[in-house]
C-alpha cells in the first residue's frame, strides 16, 4: 500500500480552502466586455449567482468591463487577489503566472487548453509553468479546466454554460470531475431530481492541485456530506487513497464513476500478471482498498448518494425486494443477479409477524403485492419488517405505474411507514417526477431507471471499509531487502527467481540444472525439464518445457530436442542449461503475481494457474501488501479456484498456506525503493497439506 501525506501542511489547509472556495477577491484574466464571448461569462455568472466579493477584470485594452474597473495586469490591481481565473491563449499563460507570483496570488485556475494534453511541447510548457508557480508560492488548478463552483457562497469561477441558468440548488453533494464538460451534465441531471450541491471542481490536467488534495479539503468542509468523483485516470492515487480514508472515518462517503472499464492493460508486462491485471482490475482494487464506492452508470453517481448517506459498509451482499409490479421488479432483480448480489426471501419470523397483522405473504424470493393489496398500511408494514430484519443488508421497494400519477400513494406506502436502519432504494419509473421529489425530500433514495437503481444497490453491497495498511515485521523487511540485493538485476532466470522467493518463505520444488544430455540427475523420476534462460520468460510457448519424463534416457532425448527447438526459434537467447524438477501433483494450479502499477503502485493477483492462466475467467487483484485475512478473501472471490476450495465432494486444498504465499508475494511492495517491479509464481501447486511453487519469474529494476 502506497502511503502519502496531504501536500498542504495543516496551517495552510484553511488558507488554501478559502482561496479556492471562498476568495474575497477574484481576478478574471482575459475578461471580455463582449457578452457573446465565452470570456465574459465568468464575470456575469459571478454576479448572477450572488458573489459578494470584489471582481477584478484584467484586460490591457479596456478600463472597464461590465461595470467593473479593469486593469492591464494583475500587478496593476490595487487589491490583494486571492484567486485568478486565467483565460488567455496558452502562449501567454506563463506571463500571467509570473504576474501571479509577483502579486502573491494564492491560487490560479487555468481555463486555457494547449498544455500536456496536446503532446510533448505542451507538456514542456506545462512543466515550466508549474516550476515557476512553485517557486512563487502560487497553487494551480488545471490547466484545461472549467473552473470551481461553491454554490452556497455564490462563487462561480467558471465558464461552464450550465451557470447561465437562474438558480443552482444547494445541497450536501460535492463533485470533483476530470472532465470539464461532464460537470455541467452532472449539475443538470442532478438538479432535475432536486439534488443540490456544495462544491464542484473541474480539475483538467491536474498539474498541481489534484483530485486527492481536493477530496482531502472537502473532508473538512462542513457543507459537504457526500463526495462524488468523475474520473478518467489516476494522477495522484496515493494522495487520493489517503484522503478517501479520511473521508470514510469522517462518515462522508466517496462515490466514483471511472471511465475505461473495457480498456486493456496500460503497460506491456513480461508476466501473465501484467496481462491479467489490466487497468480496470487495478482501479477496482484501488477503490476497494480505500473505501471508495464505485458505480458504473452515470445517473447512479448522484442518485446513490442518498442510499449510502449515514450508512457504513454492509456485512454481506443480501437484498430484499418488495414490489407492486412484478415486471418492474424483475428488471432490477436481473441486474442484481448478474452482479452477484443475493436477492433473499422473507424469513419465517417476518412471515409470522405479518400474519399476526393479517398480512399474508409467502417465502418467495420476491415479495409481490397485487395492486389491490398495496395500500399504505399493508405495504408499509411489510417495508417495516424488511428494513428491521438482519436477514438482508438493503431493501429495494419497487413502485408501479401509479407513482407517475399519484405522489400521495408513494408517500403513504413509503414515507408514512416506520423504517429500520437499512439502506432503502425505491424504483419509481422515469416519469414520476413529483413522487421522486417527495421521496428525496423525505430522505429516501429514489431512482428513475432499473439500471441506476440496481447499480446503486450493487455498489453499496460491494462497499468495504478501507483495507488495513500493512507495514510488515522489521525482520521480514530486512530479510526481503537482503534477498533482493543478492538476486541481481533485470529479469531473473527461473532458478534465480526461485532462490529469491524461497528466501522470503515461499516453498519451492527441489531442482537441478543440467548443462548436457549426459549429466546425471539426482532427483526422483518422473521429472519435468525446462529451458533455463532469463531471455525466455514464457517457456511453454517457446517449446521449452517437457513433462512426465520417465527415465534418464528420455531426459537426454528431451534435452537435445529442446535445445534444438530453442536455438532455432530464439538464436539470440542466453541459455544457462535445463532445469530439472520432480513432477508435482496436487488438487489444483494457481497463479500468484505481483507488479507495480504506474498509477496506483504495487498490486497482488491470484487466479487459476498453469497454462490456462489467461484462459480461465476470474482472478482477484488487491493493492499490496495484503494481510492473511485479505488473502483468504481473495481466494474465496475467484470462481475458478473452487477446485481448491473443496468443490462439491472434492477434497479442499490448504487455503491457509496458499494465503500465506499471496501475503509473502505482496510484501515485495515493501522492498527498498520499490526495486522489485514484478514477480510471478505459475503454477503454485495446491495440496491438501501445503503448497509448492513450480515456476517463477521476477523482474528487478536495473537501476
Foldseek 3Di string as FASTA:
>chain_A
DDADDQPDPPVCLVLLCCLAAPWQEEEEEPADQPPVDLSPQQVVLLVLLPADHHYEYAPLVDQDHPHHGYHPALLPDPDQAAEYEHDDELVCVLVNLLRCLVSVHAEYEACYDDAVVVDDVRPVSLVVSVVSNVVSNYFYFAYNAFGKDFNVNSNRSGSQPLSVDNHAAAAQEEEEECDRNCQSVLRVVCVLLVHGYGMYGHRHPCSGPDPLNVLQSVLPPPSHQEYFYEEAAFDPLNSNLVSLLSSVVSQHAYEYEYPDLPDFAPDDDPDVCSRVCGDNQVVVQSCQQRQHQYFHDPVLRPLLRLLCRPHAFFPAQEEEEEEQDPVQVVLLVVLLVVLVRHQAFDDPVLQVVVVVVVQHFDRDSHGHDHPVQQALVNLLSSQASVQADPPGQAYEYEYDQCLLPDLPRLCSNPVVHDGHPHRYEYEYAQRNSVNSNVQVVSSHRYDHHSSSRNRSSSSSNSGDNNADDDDDDPVLQVQLQVLVVPLAAFKGWFVSQVSSLVSSPAFAFDKDFDAALPDDDPAADDKKKFWTFSVCQPGVVQQGIDGRQGDSVSSSVSQVVNVVSNCVVPVPTDTPGMMMGHDDDAQFWKKWKWAADPRNGIKIKIAGFDPCRVPDDFIHMHQADHDLVVLLVRCVRGPRNVSQCCNDPRQHFPSSQVSVSNNSNRCLSSHPPNFWGMKMFGTWHTHNPHIHTYTMMTHGHND
